Amino acid sequence: MSVVSPRIVQVAAIGLVALASAGCTQLRSHQGYVVDTDLVNSVQPGVDNRQSVLQTLGKPTLAGQFDQGDWYYLARDSRNLAFRNPRPNAQITLQISFDQKGTVTAIRRGGLEQVASISPYGKKTPTLGRQRGFFQDLFGNIGTVGAAGAGGGAGNGSNTGGGGRDRP
């Protein structure tokens, strides 16, 4: 019969505690644009244009599709512990607006207050309208094919060719 020395048990216990605590370390991550405050502060409304902003700050994270097409630079620092979902720790949103000629008109900064927290509602997404059961979904269309007002151009005598539509 072998006897395990107390020294080996002590070393094994310390190793086990170190391994368990390593799994609980806080993970940090950065996503998006790396903000350099000196470069951001060098962009001036009325002086800079799209080309100079592109050379100074680089390509935007995303560009607006409407109006003058504002540019957005987004940066987020997150953290999470073990298996939990990441939570935003800090966020910077930089919005640069341009006029019709491409000159910078405004620079707006936002922060963590713009982060929306969404919590899903149960396992189903609530919808507007009536509640339908399994059999109503399965057999609900019986009798509606070719019925008056249901489209289906061939069965209702219309010759529009587009399922009851007048135009394509």
N, C-alpha and C. Protein backbone atom coordinates (compact mmCIF):
# COMPACT_ATOMS: atom_id res chain seq x y z
N MET A 1 0.84 -1.16 0.00
CA MET A 1 0.00 0.00 0.00
C MET A 1 0.89 1.24 0.00
N SER A 2 0.61 2.16 -0.96
CA SER A 2 1.45 3.34 -1.04
C SER A 2 0.80 4.49 -0.28
N VAL A 3 1.63 5.28 0.30
CA VAL A 3 1.17 6.42 1.09
C VAL A 3 1.54 7.68 0.31
N VAL A 4 0.56 8.55 0.11
CA VAL A 4 0.79 9.80 -0.59
C VAL A 4 1.22 10.83 0.44
N SER A 5 2.31 11.49 0.14
CA SER A 5 2.83 12.45 1.11
C SER A 5 1.95 13.69 1.16
N PRO A 6 1.88 14.35 2.34
CA PRO A 6 1.07 15.56 2.46
C PRO A 6 1.55 16.67 1.54
N ARG A 7 2.79 16.69 1.20
CA ARG A 7 3.35 17.71 0.31
C ARG A 7 2.76 17.59 -1.10
N ILE A 8 2.61 16.38 -1.61
CA ILE A 8 2.03 16.16 -2.94
C ILE A 8 0.56 16.53 -2.94
N VAL A 9 -0.16 16.23 -1.88
CA VAL A 9 -1.58 16.58 -1.78
C VAL A 9 -1.73 18.10 -1.76
N GLN A 10 -0.86 18.77 -1.03
CA GLN A 10 -0.91 20.23 -0.94
C GLN A 10 -0.63 20.88 -2.30
N VAL A 11 0.37 20.40 -3.02
CA VAL A 11 0.69 20.93 -4.34
C VAL A 11 -0.46 20.67 -5.32
N ALA A 12 -1.06 19.49 -5.26
CA ALA A 12 -2.18 19.15 -6.13
C ALA A 12 -3.39 20.04 -5.83
N ALA A 13 -3.64 20.33 -4.56
CA ALA A 13 -4.76 21.18 -4.19
C ALA A 13 -4.54 22.61 -4.68
N ILE A 14 -3.32 23.11 -4.54
CA ILE A 14 -3.02 24.46 -5.03
C ILE A 14 -3.17 24.51 -6.55
N GLY A 15 -2.70 23.51 -7.24
CA GLY A 15 -2.84 23.45 -8.70
C GLY A 15 -4.29 23.40 -9.13
N LEU A 16 -5.12 22.66 -8.41
CA LEU A 16 -6.55 22.56 -8.73
C LEU A 16 -7.25 23.89 -8.51
N VAL A 17 -6.93 24.59 -7.42
CA VAL A 17 -7.52 25.90 -7.15
C VAL A 17 -7.09 26.90 -8.22
N ALA A 18 -5.82 26.87 -8.61
CA ALA A 18 -5.33 27.79 -9.65
C ALA A 18 -6.02 27.53 -10.97
N LEU A 19 -6.22 26.27 -11.32
CA LEU A 19 -6.90 25.92 -12.57
C LEU A 19 -8.36 26.35 -12.54
N ALA A 20 -9.04 26.17 -11.42
CA ALA A 20 -10.45 26.56 -11.31
C ALA A 20 -10.60 28.08 -11.36
N SER A 21 -9.70 28.80 -10.73
CA SER A 21 -9.82 30.26 -10.73
C SER A 21 -9.45 30.86 -12.09
N ALA A 22 -8.64 30.17 -12.88
CA ALA A 22 -8.30 30.65 -14.21
C ALA A 22 -9.52 30.65 -15.12
N GLY A 23 -10.46 29.75 -14.89
CA GLY A 23 -11.68 29.69 -15.69
C GLY A 23 -12.64 30.83 -15.38
N CYS A 24 -12.40 31.53 -14.29
CA CYS A 24 -13.29 32.62 -13.87
C CYS A 24 -12.68 33.99 -14.13
N THR A 25 -11.64 34.07 -14.92
CA THR A 25 -11.04 35.37 -15.19
C THR A 25 -11.92 36.18 -16.12
N GLN A 26 -11.84 37.47 -15.99
CA GLN A 26 -12.64 38.37 -16.79
C GLN A 26 -11.99 38.57 -18.16
N LEU A 27 -12.77 38.37 -19.22
CA LEU A 27 -12.28 38.55 -20.58
C LEU A 27 -12.68 39.94 -21.07
N ARG A 28 -11.75 40.61 -21.72
CA ARG A 28 -12.02 41.94 -22.27
C ARG A 28 -11.78 41.91 -23.77
N SER A 29 -12.59 42.66 -24.50
CA SER A 29 -12.43 42.69 -25.94
C SER A 29 -12.72 44.10 -26.47
N HIS A 30 -12.15 44.40 -27.62
CA HIS A 30 -12.39 45.67 -28.30
C HIS A 30 -12.92 45.35 -29.70
N GLN A 31 -13.96 46.06 -30.10
CA GLN A 31 -14.54 45.86 -31.42
C GLN A 31 -14.63 47.21 -32.11
N GLY A 32 -14.35 47.23 -33.39
CA GLY A 32 -14.56 48.43 -34.19
C GLY A 32 -13.34 49.30 -34.33
N TYR A 33 -13.60 50.58 -34.51
CA TYR A 33 -12.60 51.60 -34.80
C TYR A 33 -11.71 51.83 -33.59
N VAL A 34 -10.42 51.99 -33.83
CA VAL A 34 -9.48 52.34 -32.76
C VAL A 34 -9.36 53.86 -32.76
N VAL A 35 -9.90 54.49 -31.71
CA VAL A 35 -10.02 55.94 -31.65
C VAL A 35 -8.70 56.58 -31.24
N ASP A 36 -8.25 57.53 -32.04
CA ASP A 36 -7.11 58.38 -31.70
C ASP A 36 -7.68 59.79 -31.53
N THR A 37 -7.74 60.28 -30.27
CA THR A 37 -8.41 61.55 -29.99
C THR A 37 -7.76 62.72 -30.71
N ASP A 38 -6.45 62.69 -30.90
CA ASP A 38 -5.78 63.78 -31.62
C ASP A 38 -6.25 63.86 -33.06
N LEU A 39 -6.40 62.70 -33.71
CA LEU A 39 -6.87 62.69 -35.10
C LEU A 39 -8.33 63.12 -35.19
N VAL A 40 -9.14 62.64 -34.25
CA VAL A 40 -10.56 63.02 -34.26
C VAL A 40 -10.71 64.52 -34.04
N ASN A 41 -9.95 65.08 -33.13
CA ASN A 41 -10.03 66.51 -32.85
C ASN A 41 -9.47 67.37 -33.99
N SER A 42 -8.68 66.78 -34.87
CA SER A 42 -8.13 67.56 -35.99
C SER A 42 -9.14 67.77 -37.11
N VAL A 43 -10.22 67.00 -37.13
CA VAL A 43 -11.26 67.18 -38.15
C VAL A 43 -12.13 68.37 -37.73
N GLN A 44 -12.23 69.37 -38.60
CA GLN A 44 -12.94 70.61 -38.28
C GLN A 44 -14.12 70.83 -39.23
N PRO A 45 -15.31 71.13 -38.69
CA PRO A 45 -16.45 71.46 -39.55
C PRO A 45 -16.17 72.73 -40.36
N GLY A 46 -16.58 72.72 -41.62
CA GLY A 46 -16.39 73.85 -42.50
C GLY A 46 -15.02 73.89 -43.16
N VAL A 47 -14.08 73.10 -42.67
CA VAL A 47 -12.72 73.09 -43.22
C VAL A 47 -12.46 71.80 -43.98
N ASP A 48 -12.75 70.69 -43.36
CA ASP A 48 -12.46 69.37 -43.96
C ASP A 48 -13.58 68.92 -44.89
N ASN A 49 -13.21 68.02 -45.80
CA ASN A 49 -14.18 67.42 -46.71
C ASN A 49 -14.05 65.89 -46.61
N ARG A 50 -14.83 65.18 -47.44
CA ARG A 50 -14.83 63.71 -47.37
C ARG A 50 -13.42 63.12 -47.57
N GLN A 51 -12.70 63.66 -48.53
CA GLN A 51 -11.36 63.13 -48.83
C GLN A 51 -10.40 63.34 -47.66
N SER A 52 -10.42 64.53 -47.05
CA SER A 52 -9.51 64.79 -45.93
C SER A 52 -9.89 63.97 -44.70
N VAL A 53 -11.19 63.74 -44.48
CA VAL A 53 -11.62 62.89 -43.36
C VAL A 53 -11.19 61.45 -43.61
N LEU A 54 -11.31 61.01 -44.85
CA LEU A 54 -10.88 59.65 -45.20
C LEU A 54 -9.38 59.48 -44.99
N GLN A 55 -8.60 60.48 -45.32
CA GLN A 55 -7.15 60.40 -45.12
C GLN A 55 -6.77 60.50 -43.64
N THR A 56 -7.54 61.25 -42.86
CA THR A 56 -7.21 61.45 -41.45
C THR A 56 -7.70 60.29 -40.59
N LEU A 57 -8.97 59.92 -40.73
CA LEU A 57 -9.56 58.90 -39.85
C LEU A 57 -9.65 57.51 -40.48
N GLY A 58 -9.52 57.43 -41.78
CA GLY A 58 -9.64 56.14 -42.45
C GLY A 58 -11.08 55.88 -42.86
N LYS A 59 -11.30 54.68 -43.36
CA LYS A 59 -12.62 54.28 -43.83
C LYS A 59 -13.59 54.19 -42.66
N PRO A 60 -14.82 54.73 -42.80
CA PRO A 60 -15.78 54.68 -41.69
C PRO A 60 -16.28 53.27 -41.44
N THR A 61 -16.75 53.05 -40.22
CA THR A 61 -17.34 51.75 -39.88
C THR A 61 -18.56 51.50 -40.73
N LEU A 62 -19.41 52.51 -40.88
CA LEU A 62 -20.55 52.43 -41.79
C LEU A 62 -20.91 53.83 -42.26
N ALA A 63 -21.56 53.88 -43.40
CA ALA A 63 -21.97 55.16 -43.99
C ALA A 63 -23.47 55.16 -44.15
N GLY A 64 -24.09 56.32 -43.86
CA GLY A 64 -25.53 56.46 -44.00
C GLY A 64 -25.95 56.38 -45.46
N GLN A 65 -27.14 55.87 -45.70
CA GLN A 65 -27.62 55.68 -47.07
C GLN A 65 -28.54 56.79 -47.54
N PHE A 66 -28.98 57.66 -46.63
CA PHE A 66 -29.93 58.70 -46.98
C PHE A 66 -29.31 60.07 -46.82
N ASP A 67 -29.98 61.09 -47.32
CA ASP A 67 -29.54 62.49 -47.24
C ASP A 67 -28.13 62.63 -47.79
N GLN A 68 -27.22 63.21 -47.00
CA GLN A 68 -25.85 63.43 -47.45
C GLN A 68 -24.96 62.23 -47.17
N GLY A 69 -25.47 61.20 -46.55
CA GLY A 69 -24.66 60.02 -46.27
C GLY A 69 -23.66 60.26 -45.16
N ASP A 70 -24.13 60.45 -43.93
CA ASP A 70 -23.25 60.64 -42.79
C ASP A 70 -22.33 59.44 -42.62
N TRP A 71 -21.17 59.68 -42.05
CA TRP A 71 -20.22 58.61 -41.77
C TRP A 71 -20.21 58.35 -40.27
N TYR A 72 -20.11 57.09 -39.90
CA TYR A 72 -20.11 56.68 -38.51
C TYR A 72 -18.86 55.86 -38.21
N TYR A 73 -18.20 56.22 -37.12
CA TYR A 73 -17.06 55.47 -36.62
C TYR A 73 -17.47 54.93 -35.25
N LEU A 74 -17.49 53.60 -35.10
CA LEU A 74 -17.95 52.97 -33.87
C LEU A 74 -16.83 52.19 -33.21
N ALA A 75 -16.74 52.30 -31.89
CA ALA A 75 -15.77 51.54 -31.10
C ALA A 75 -16.45 51.08 -29.82
N ARG A 76 -16.24 49.83 -29.43
CA ARG A 76 -16.86 49.29 -28.22
C ARG A 76 -15.88 48.40 -27.47
N ASP A 77 -15.80 48.63 -26.19
CA ASP A 77 -15.04 47.75 -25.30
C ASP A 77 -16.04 46.94 -24.49
N SER A 78 -15.84 45.62 -24.48
CA SER A 78 -16.76 44.72 -23.77
C SER A 78 -15.99 43.88 -22.77
N ARG A 79 -16.73 43.30 -21.86
CA ARG A 79 -16.14 42.36 -20.90
C ARG A 79 -17.16 41.27 -20.60
N ASN A 80 -16.66 40.11 -20.28
CA ASN A 80 -17.54 39.04 -19.83
C ASN A 80 -16.78 38.14 -18.87
N LEU A 81 -17.51 37.50 -18.03
CA LEU A 81 -16.96 36.63 -17.01
C LEU A 81 -17.40 35.21 -17.31
N ALA A 82 -16.44 34.32 -17.48
CA ALA A 82 -16.67 32.89 -17.72
C ALA A 82 -17.61 32.70 -18.91
N PHE A 83 -18.77 32.09 -18.69
CA PHE A 83 -19.67 31.71 -19.77
C PHE A 83 -20.75 32.75 -20.03
N ARG A 84 -20.76 33.86 -19.34
CA ARG A 84 -21.81 34.86 -19.49
C ARG A 84 -21.65 35.63 -20.80
N ASN A 85 -22.73 36.25 -21.25
CA ASN A 85 -22.70 37.06 -22.47
C ASN A 85 -21.88 38.33 -22.24
N PRO A 86 -21.17 38.79 -23.26
CA PRO A 86 -20.40 40.03 -23.11
C PRO A 86 -21.32 41.22 -22.85
N ARG A 87 -20.83 42.15 -22.03
CA ARG A 87 -21.56 43.38 -21.73
C ARG A 87 -20.68 44.56 -22.10
N PRO A 88 -21.27 45.58 -22.75
CA PRO A 88 -20.45 46.74 -23.13
C PRO A 88 -19.95 47.49 -21.91
N ASN A 89 -18.69 47.79 -21.91
CA ASN A 89 -18.06 48.53 -20.82
C ASN A 89 -17.92 50.00 -21.20
N ALA A 90 -17.58 50.26 -22.45
CA ALA A 90 -17.45 51.63 -22.97
C ALA A 90 -17.76 51.59 -24.46
N GLN A 91 -18.31 52.69 -24.96
CA GLN A 91 -18.62 52.78 -26.38
C GLN A 91 -18.44 54.22 -26.84
N ILE A 92 -17.91 54.37 -28.04
CA ILE A 92 -17.78 55.69 -28.66
C ILE A 92 -18.42 55.61 -30.03
N THR A 93 -19.33 56.53 -30.29
CA THR A 93 -19.95 56.67 -31.60
C THR A 93 -19.61 58.06 -32.12
N LEU A 94 -18.95 58.11 -33.25
CA LEU A 94 -18.56 59.37 -33.85
C LEU A 94 -19.32 59.50 -35.17
N GLN A 95 -20.18 60.52 -35.26
CA GLN A 95 -20.97 60.76 -36.47
C GLN A 95 -20.48 62.02 -37.14
N ILE A 96 -20.10 61.91 -38.39
CA ILE A 96 -19.62 63.07 -39.15
C ILE A 96 -20.62 63.33 -40.27
N SER A 97 -21.19 64.54 -40.28
CA SER A 97 -22.19 64.92 -41.28
C SER A 97 -21.54 65.79 -42.34
N PHE A 98 -22.02 65.63 -43.57
CA PHE A 98 -21.49 66.38 -44.72
C PHE A 98 -22.64 67.13 -45.40
N ASP A 99 -22.31 68.24 -46.08
CA ASP A 99 -23.31 68.93 -46.89
C ASP A 99 -23.27 68.36 -48.31
N GLN A 100 -24.02 68.99 -49.24
CA GLN A 100 -24.11 68.49 -50.61
C GLN A 100 -22.76 68.52 -51.33
N LYS A 101 -21.89 69.46 -50.97
CA LYS A 101 -20.58 69.57 -51.61
C LYS A 101 -19.55 68.63 -51.01
N GLY A 102 -19.89 67.97 -49.90
CA GLY A 102 -18.95 67.05 -49.26
C GLY A 102 -18.14 67.67 -48.15
N THR A 103 -18.50 68.86 -47.71
CA THR A 103 -17.79 69.53 -46.62
C THR A 103 -18.40 69.11 -45.29
N VAL A 104 -17.55 68.94 -44.28
CA VAL A 104 -18.02 68.54 -42.95
C VAL A 104 -18.85 69.66 -42.36
N THR A 105 -20.08 69.31 -41.91
CA THR A 105 -20.95 70.31 -41.28
C THR A 105 -21.05 70.12 -39.78
N ALA A 106 -20.96 68.90 -39.29
CA ALA A 106 -21.10 68.65 -37.85
C ALA A 106 -20.39 67.36 -37.48
N ILE A 107 -19.90 67.35 -36.24
CA ILE A 107 -19.31 66.14 -35.66
C ILE A 107 -20.00 65.90 -34.33
N ARG A 108 -20.65 64.75 -34.19
CA ARG A 108 -21.36 64.41 -32.97
C ARG A 108 -20.75 63.17 -32.34
N ARG A 109 -20.66 63.20 -31.03
CA ARG A 109 -20.10 62.06 -30.29
C ARG A 109 -21.17 61.49 -29.39
N GLY A 110 -21.18 60.19 -29.28
CA GLY A 110 -22.11 59.50 -28.38
C GLY A 110 -21.35 58.47 -27.58
N GLY A 111 -22.01 57.93 -26.59
CA GLY A 111 -21.33 56.97 -25.73
C GLY A 111 -22.19 55.78 -25.39
N LEU A 112 -22.00 55.29 -24.19
CA LEU A 112 -22.65 54.08 -23.73
C LEU A 112 -24.15 54.23 -23.59
N GLU A 113 -24.65 55.46 -23.51
CA GLU A 113 -26.09 55.68 -23.36
C GLU A 113 -26.86 55.26 -24.61
N GLN A 114 -26.17 55.04 -25.72
CA GLN A 114 -26.83 54.62 -26.96
C GLN A 114 -26.98 53.11 -27.09
N VAL A 115 -26.45 52.37 -26.15
CA VAL A 115 -26.53 50.91 -26.21
C VAL A 115 -27.91 50.48 -25.76
N ALA A 116 -28.60 49.72 -26.59
CA ALA A 116 -29.93 49.21 -26.26
C ALA A 116 -29.80 47.80 -25.71
N SER A 117 -30.45 47.56 -24.60
CA SER A 117 -30.45 46.24 -24.00
C SER A 117 -31.74 45.54 -24.39
N ILE A 118 -31.61 44.41 -25.03
CA ILE A 118 -32.78 43.67 -25.51
C ILE A 118 -32.88 42.36 -24.75
N SER A 119 -34.05 42.10 -24.20
CA SER A 119 -34.27 40.82 -23.54
C SER A 119 -35.44 40.12 -24.24
N PRO A 120 -35.16 38.98 -24.85
CA PRO A 120 -36.21 38.26 -25.58
C PRO A 120 -37.36 37.86 -24.65
N TYR A 121 -38.53 37.77 -25.22
CA TYR A 121 -39.74 37.42 -24.48
C TYR A 121 -40.02 35.94 -24.66
N GLY A 122 -39.63 35.13 -23.70
CA GLY A 122 -39.90 33.71 -23.75
C GLY A 122 -39.24 33.02 -24.93
N LYS A 123 -39.89 31.97 -25.42
CA LYS A 123 -39.35 31.22 -26.54
C LYS A 123 -40.00 31.60 -27.86
N LYS A 124 -41.03 32.44 -27.81
CA LYS A 124 -41.72 32.85 -29.03
C LYS A 124 -41.70 34.36 -29.12
N THR A 125 -41.67 34.86 -30.34
CA THR A 125 -41.78 36.29 -30.57
C THR A 125 -43.25 36.64 -30.64
N PRO A 126 -43.75 37.56 -29.80
CA PRO A 126 -45.16 37.92 -29.88
C PRO A 126 -45.46 38.63 -31.19
N THR A 127 -46.59 38.31 -31.79
CA THR A 127 -47.00 38.92 -33.06
C THR A 127 -48.38 39.51 -32.90
N LEU A 128 -48.69 40.44 -33.78
CA LEU A 128 -50.03 41.02 -33.80
C LEU A 128 -50.93 40.11 -34.61
N GLY A 129 -52.19 40.10 -34.30
CA GLY A 129 -53.12 39.26 -35.04
C GLY A 129 -53.66 38.16 -34.16
N ARG A 130 -54.32 37.20 -34.80
CA ARG A 130 -54.97 36.14 -34.03
C ARG A 130 -54.00 35.01 -33.72
N GLN A 131 -54.30 34.31 -32.66
CA GLN A 131 -53.50 33.15 -32.27
C GLN A 131 -54.02 31.93 -33.03
N ARG A 132 -53.12 31.18 -33.66
CA ARG A 132 -53.50 29.99 -34.41
C ARG A 132 -52.83 28.79 -33.80
N GLY A 133 -53.54 27.70 -33.76
CA GLY A 133 -53.01 26.45 -33.24
C GLY A 133 -52.37 25.62 -34.34
N PHE A 134 -51.87 24.45 -33.97
CA PHE A 134 -51.19 23.56 -34.91
C PHE A 134 -52.11 23.14 -36.05
N PHE A 135 -53.34 22.69 -35.72
CA PHE A 135 -54.25 22.20 -36.75
C PHE A 135 -54.78 23.33 -37.63
N GLN A 136 -54.91 24.52 -37.08
CA GLN A 136 -55.33 25.66 -37.90
C GLN A 136 -54.24 26.02 -38.91
N ASP A 137 -52.99 25.92 -38.50
CA ASP A 137 -51.90 26.16 -39.45
C ASP A 137 -51.83 25.06 -40.50
N LEU A 138 -52.08 23.83 -40.09
CA LEU A 138 -51.96 22.69 -40.99
C LEU A 138 -53.10 22.65 -42.02
N PHE A 139 -54.34 22.86 -41.55
CA PHE A 139 -55.50 22.72 -42.43
C PHE A 139 -56.17 24.06 -42.77
N GLY A 140 -55.56 25.17 -42.44
CA GLY A 140 -56.20 26.47 -42.60
C GLY A 140 -56.42 26.91 -44.04
N ASN A 141 -55.69 26.38 -45.00
CA ASN A 141 -55.82 26.81 -46.39
C ASN A 141 -56.78 25.95 -47.20
N ILE A 142 -57.37 24.94 -46.60
CA ILE A 142 -58.31 24.07 -47.33
C ILE A 142 -59.54 24.89 -47.69
N GLY A 143 -59.89 24.88 -48.97
CA GLY A 143 -61.06 25.60 -49.45
C GLY A 143 -60.76 27.01 -49.91
N THR A 144 -59.57 27.53 -49.66
CA THR A 144 -59.28 28.90 -50.09
C THR A 144 -58.64 28.96 -51.47
N VAL A 145 -58.16 27.85 -51.99
CA VAL A 145 -57.53 27.84 -53.31
C VAL A 145 -58.62 28.00 -54.36
N GLY A 146 -58.51 29.04 -55.16
CA GLY A 146 -59.48 29.30 -56.22
C GLY A 146 -60.73 29.99 -55.73
N ALA A 147 -60.82 30.34 -54.45
CA ALA A 147 -62.00 31.02 -53.93
C ALA A 147 -62.03 32.46 -54.45
N ALA A 148 -63.23 33.03 -54.51
CA ALA A 148 -63.39 34.41 -54.99
C ALA A 148 -62.63 35.36 -54.09
N GLY A 149 -61.85 36.27 -54.71
CA GLY A 149 -61.10 37.26 -53.94
C GLY A 149 -59.79 36.76 -53.41
N ALA A 150 -59.43 35.51 -53.70
CA ALA A 150 -58.18 34.95 -53.18
C ALA A 150 -57.08 34.95 -54.23
N GLY A 151 -57.29 35.59 -55.37
CA GLY A 151 -56.27 35.59 -56.41
C GLY A 151 -56.38 34.33 -57.23
N GLY A 152 -55.27 33.73 -57.61
CA GLY A 152 -55.27 32.46 -58.36
C GLY A 152 -55.86 32.62 -59.72
N GLY A 153 -55.42 33.52 -60.54
CA GLY A 153 -55.94 33.95 -61.83
C GLY A 153 -56.61 32.90 -62.68
N ALA A 154 -56.18 31.65 -62.69
CA ALA A 154 -56.74 30.66 -63.62
C ALA A 154 -58.12 30.21 -63.19
N GLY A 155 -58.41 30.17 -61.91
CA GLY A 155 -59.66 29.59 -61.45
C GLY A 155 -60.78 30.59 -61.30
N ASN A 156 -60.54 31.87 -61.38
CA ASN A 156 -61.61 32.83 -61.13
C ASN A 156 -62.04 33.59 -62.38
N GLY A 157 -61.63 33.15 -63.55
CA GLY A 157 -62.11 33.73 -64.80
C GLY A 157 -61.41 35.00 -65.22
N SER A 158 -60.43 35.47 -64.49
CA SER A 158 -59.74 36.69 -64.90
C SER A 158 -58.60 36.32 -65.83
N ASN A 159 -58.32 37.19 -66.77
CA ASN A 159 -57.27 36.93 -67.74
C ASN A 159 -56.10 37.89 -67.57
N THR A 160 -55.85 38.32 -66.37
CA THR A 160 -54.77 39.27 -66.18
C THR A 160 -53.42 38.59 -66.19
N GLY A 161 -53.34 37.32 -65.88
CA GLY A 161 -52.10 36.57 -65.95
C GLY A 161 -51.17 36.82 -64.79
N GLY A 162 -51.49 37.70 -63.89
CA GLY A 162 -50.59 38.00 -62.79
C GLY A 162 -51.19 37.68 -61.45
N GLY A 163 -52.06 36.72 -61.39
CA GLY A 163 -52.66 36.36 -60.11
C GLY A 163 -53.63 37.42 -59.63
N GLY A 164 -54.36 38.06 -60.54
CA GLY A 164 -55.33 39.06 -60.16
C GLY A 164 -54.76 40.46 -60.13
N ARG A 165 -53.52 40.63 -60.52
CA ARG A 165 -52.91 41.97 -60.53
C ARG A 165 -53.16 42.64 -61.87
N ASP A 166 -53.31 43.95 -61.85
CA ASP A 166 -53.47 44.68 -63.10
C ASP A 166 -52.14 45.05 -63.71
N ARG A 167 -51.12 45.27 -62.86
CA ARG A 167 -49.79 45.67 -63.33
C ARG A 167 -48.76 44.74 -62.75
N PRO A 168 -47.60 44.64 -63.42
CA PRO A 168 -46.52 43.81 -62.87
C PRO A 168 -45.92 44.42 -61.62
